[in-house]
Amino acid sequence: MKSRNEVLYLLEETQEKRDAAGFLIEEEEAQSCQREVFCSVDSVKRNEFFEAMRSGIRLALVFHIAVDDYQGETRLLYENTKYKIEKTYRLNEYDLELSVSEL
């Protein structure tokens, strides 16, 4: 397994937020909870990329993180780009693979 020398932020799913007057707050304005996680980054394997494209999903990257770091989040932030977690795959007792598409 590669060393985890990169950092990503797992983003907690935010609920609809409203201001004091009852108006919806845009997601960028709403405070989101994020957790820093160490990871390694890989490109998507050719076969996995084309299988996802058949379903209309354009996978961008694959991240490897510790199983204990993941708590069911559906989005992450890496190098100022937000990604949607499309698939998780447990590699072994300690490592988890996250396949993501760009938002």
C-alpha atoms as a PDB file:
ATOM      1  CA  MET A   1       0.000   0.000   0.000  1.00  0.00           C
ATOM      2  CA  LYS A   2       1.250   3.476  -0.842  1.00  0.00           C
ATOM      3  CA  SER A   3       2.078   5.906   1.908  1.00  0.00           C
ATOM      4  CA  ARG A   4      -0.655   8.375   2.738  1.00  0.00           C
ATOM      5  CA  ASN A   5       1.168  11.650   2.133  1.00  0.00           C
ATOM      6  CA  GLU A   6      -1.749  13.683   0.718  1.00  0.00           C
ATOM      7  CA  VAL A   7      -4.619  15.350   2.593  1.00  0.00           C
ATOM      8  CA  LEU A   8      -8.319  15.370   1.716  1.00  0.00           C
ATOM      9  CA  TYR A   9     -11.306  16.675   3.645  1.00  0.00           C
ATOM     10  CA  LEU A  10     -14.377  14.501   4.137  1.00  0.00           C
ATOM     11  CA  LEU A  11     -17.439  16.748   4.045  1.00  0.00           C
ATOM     12  CA  GLU A  12     -20.356  16.100   6.347  1.00  0.00           C
ATOM     13  CA  GLU A  13     -23.748  16.150   4.630  1.00  0.00           C
ATOM     14  CA  THR A  14     -25.316  19.521   5.372  1.00  0.00           C
ATOM     15  CA  GLN A  15     -28.992  20.037   6.014  1.00  0.00           C
ATOM     16  CA  GLU A  16     -30.989  22.854   4.458  1.00  0.00           C
ATOM     17  CA  LYS A  17     -29.994  26.010   6.294  1.00  0.00           C
ATOM     18  CA  ARG A  18     -32.159  29.101   6.759  1.00  0.00           C
ATOM     19  CA  ASP A  19     -31.301  32.565   8.012  1.00  0.00           C
ATOM     20  CA  ALA A  20     -33.210  34.480  10.724  1.00  0.00           C
ATOM     21  CA  ALA A  21     -35.773  35.686   8.151  1.00  0.00           C
ATOM     22  CA  GLY A  22     -36.457  32.125   6.957  1.00  0.00           C
ATOM     23  CA  PHE A  23     -34.637  32.376   3.607  1.00  0.00           C
ATOM     24  CA  LEU A  24     -32.500  29.488   2.371  1.00  0.00           C
ATOM     25  CA  ILE A  25     -28.756  30.049   2.717  1.00  0.00           C
ATOM     26  CA  GLU A  26     -26.666  29.015  -0.258  1.00  0.00           C
ATOM     27  CA  GLU A  27     -24.458  25.969   0.407  1.00  0.00           C
ATOM     28  CA  GLU A  28     -21.256  28.023   0.050  1.00  0.00           C
ATOM     29  CA  GLU A  29     -22.492  30.415   2.747  1.00  0.00           C
ATOM     30  CA  ALA A  30     -23.585  27.642   5.102  1.00  0.00           C
ATOM     31  CA  GLN A  31     -20.868  26.335   7.357  1.00  0.00           C
ATOM     32  CA  SER A  32     -19.971  22.794   6.483  1.00  0.00           C
ATOM     33  CA  CYS A  33     -18.207  20.360   8.761  1.00  0.00           C
ATOM     34  CA  GLN A  34     -15.097  18.817   7.309  1.00  0.00           C
ATOM     35  CA  ARG A  35     -12.554  16.384   8.657  1.00  0.00           C
ATOM     36  CA  GLU A  36      -8.934  16.219   7.565  1.00  0.00           C
ATOM     37  CA  VAL A  37      -7.859  12.740   6.448  1.00  0.00           C
ATOM     38  CA  PHE A  38      -4.511  11.506   5.162  1.00  0.00           C
ATOM     39  CA  CYS A  39      -4.708   9.610   1.877  1.00  0.00           C
ATOM     40  CA  SER A  40      -2.910   8.396  -1.196  1.00  0.00           C
ATOM     41  CA  VAL A  41      -4.236   9.245  -4.655  1.00  0.00           C
ATOM     42  CA  ASP A  42      -4.420   7.068  -7.768  1.00  0.00           C
ATOM     43  CA  SER A  43      -5.900   7.429 -11.202  1.00  0.00           C
ATOM     44  CA  VAL A  44      -8.975   5.391 -12.092  1.00  0.00           C
ATOM     45  CA  LYS A  45      -8.237   2.083 -13.753  1.00  0.00           C
ATOM     46  CA  ARG A  46      -9.303   1.922 -17.403  1.00  0.00           C
ATOM     47  CA  ASN A  47     -11.851  -0.876 -16.950  1.00  0.00           C
ATOM     48  CA  GLU A  48     -13.478   0.803 -13.929  1.00  0.00           C
ATOM     49  CA  PHE A  49     -13.608   4.145 -15.760  1.00  0.00           C
ATOM     50  CA  PHE A  50     -15.438   2.718 -18.789  1.00  0.00           C
ATOM     51  CA  GLU A  51     -17.811   0.606 -16.685  1.00  0.00           C
ATOM     52  CA  ALA A  52     -18.796   3.745 -14.749  1.00  0.00           C
ATOM     53  CA  MET A  53     -19.249   5.684 -18.019  1.00  0.00           C
ATOM     54  CA  ARG A  54     -21.824   3.093 -19.087  1.00  0.00           C
ATOM     55  CA  SER A  55     -23.884   4.219 -16.087  1.00  0.00           C
ATOM     56  CA  GLY A  56     -23.332   7.896 -16.856  1.00  0.00           C
ATOM     57  CA  ILE A  57     -20.732   8.417 -14.107  1.00  0.00           C
ATOM     58  CA  ARG A  58     -17.382  10.015 -14.947  1.00  0.00           C
ATOM     59  CA  LEU A  59     -14.919   8.839 -12.315  1.00  0.00           C
ATOM     60  CA  ALA A  60     -12.039  11.247 -11.717  1.00  0.00           C
ATOM     61  CA  LEU A  61      -9.769   9.825  -9.007  1.00  0.00           C
ATOM     62  CA  VAL A  62      -9.353   7.007  -6.504  1.00  0.00           C
ATOM     63  CA  PHE A  63      -8.333   7.769  -2.915  1.00  0.00           C
ATOM     64  CA  HIS A  64      -6.993   5.279  -0.372  1.00  0.00           C
ATOM     65  CA  ILE A  65      -7.757   6.076   3.270  1.00  0.00           C
ATOM     66  CA  ALA A  66      -7.901   4.241   6.593  1.00  0.00           C
ATOM     67  CA  VAL A  67     -11.165   2.369   7.209  1.00  0.00           C
ATOM     68  CA  ASP A  68     -11.534   4.084  10.596  1.00  0.00           C
ATOM     69  CA  ASP A  69     -11.450   7.555   8.979  1.00  0.00           C
ATOM     70  CA  TYR A  70     -14.599   7.001   6.899  1.00  0.00           C
ATOM     71  CA  GLN A  71     -18.022   7.605   8.459  1.00  0.00           C
ATOM     72  CA  GLY A  72     -20.335   7.340   5.455  1.00  0.00           C
ATOM     73  CA  GLU A  73     -19.668  10.772   3.950  1.00  0.00           C
ATOM     74  CA  THR A  74     -20.828  11.322   0.360  1.00  0.00           C
ATOM     75  CA  ARG A  75     -18.575  14.244  -0.599  1.00  0.00           C
ATOM     76  CA  LEU A  76     -14.948  15.262  -0.169  1.00  0.00           C
ATOM     77  CA  LEU A  77     -12.646  18.172  -0.918  1.00  0.00           C
ATOM     78  CA  TYR A  78      -9.197  17.675  -2.433  1.00  0.00           C
ATOM     79  CA  GLU A  79      -6.954  20.464  -3.742  1.00  0.00           C
ATOM     80  CA  ASN A  80      -9.856  22.972  -3.702  1.00  0.00           C
ATOM     81  CA  THR A  81     -12.084  20.716  -5.828  1.00  0.00           C
ATOM     82  CA  LYS A  82     -15.233  19.034  -4.516  1.00  0.00           C
ATOM     83  CA  TYR A  83     -15.901  15.414  -5.397  1.00  0.00           C
ATOM     84  CA  LYS A  84     -18.831  13.048  -4.963  1.00  0.00           C
ATOM     85  CA  ILE A  85     -17.980   9.644  -3.500  1.00  0.00           C
ATOM     86  CA  GLU A  86     -19.474   7.201  -6.009  1.00  0.00           C
ATOM     87  CA  LYS A  87     -18.137   3.923  -4.624  1.00  0.00           C
ATOM     88  CA  THR A  88     -16.322   2.620  -1.574  1.00  0.00           C
ATOM     89  CA  TYR A  89     -14.363  -0.617  -1.586  1.00  0.00           C
ATOM     90  CA  ARG A  90     -12.731  -2.176   1.452  1.00  0.00           C
ATOM     91  CA  LEU A  91      -9.327  -3.466   0.388  1.00  0.00           C
ATOM     92  CA  ASN A  92      -8.501  -5.179   3.662  1.00  0.00           C
ATOM     93  CA  GLU A  93      -8.972  -4.771   7.406  1.00  0.00           C
ATOM     94  CA  TYR A  94      -7.343  -1.327   7.426  1.00  0.00           C
ATOM     95  CA  ASP A  95      -7.658   0.276   3.977  1.00  0.00           C
ATOM     96  CA  LEU A  96     -10.611   1.705   2.079  1.00  0.00           C
ATOM     97  CA  GLU A  97     -10.736   2.835  -1.541  1.00  0.00           C
ATOM     98  CA  LEU A  98     -12.960   5.802  -2.521  1.00  0.00           C
ATOM     99  CA  SER A  99     -13.825   6.213  -6.211  1.00  0.00           C
ATOM    100  CA  VAL A 100     -15.009   9.769  -6.883  1.00  0.00           C
ATOM    101  CA  SER A 101     -16.465  11.979  -9.604  1.00  0.00           C
ATOM    102  CA  GLU A 102     -15.962  15.719  -9.849  1.00  0.00           C
ATOM    103  CA  LEU A 103     -18.912  17.937  -8.876  1.00  0.00           C
END
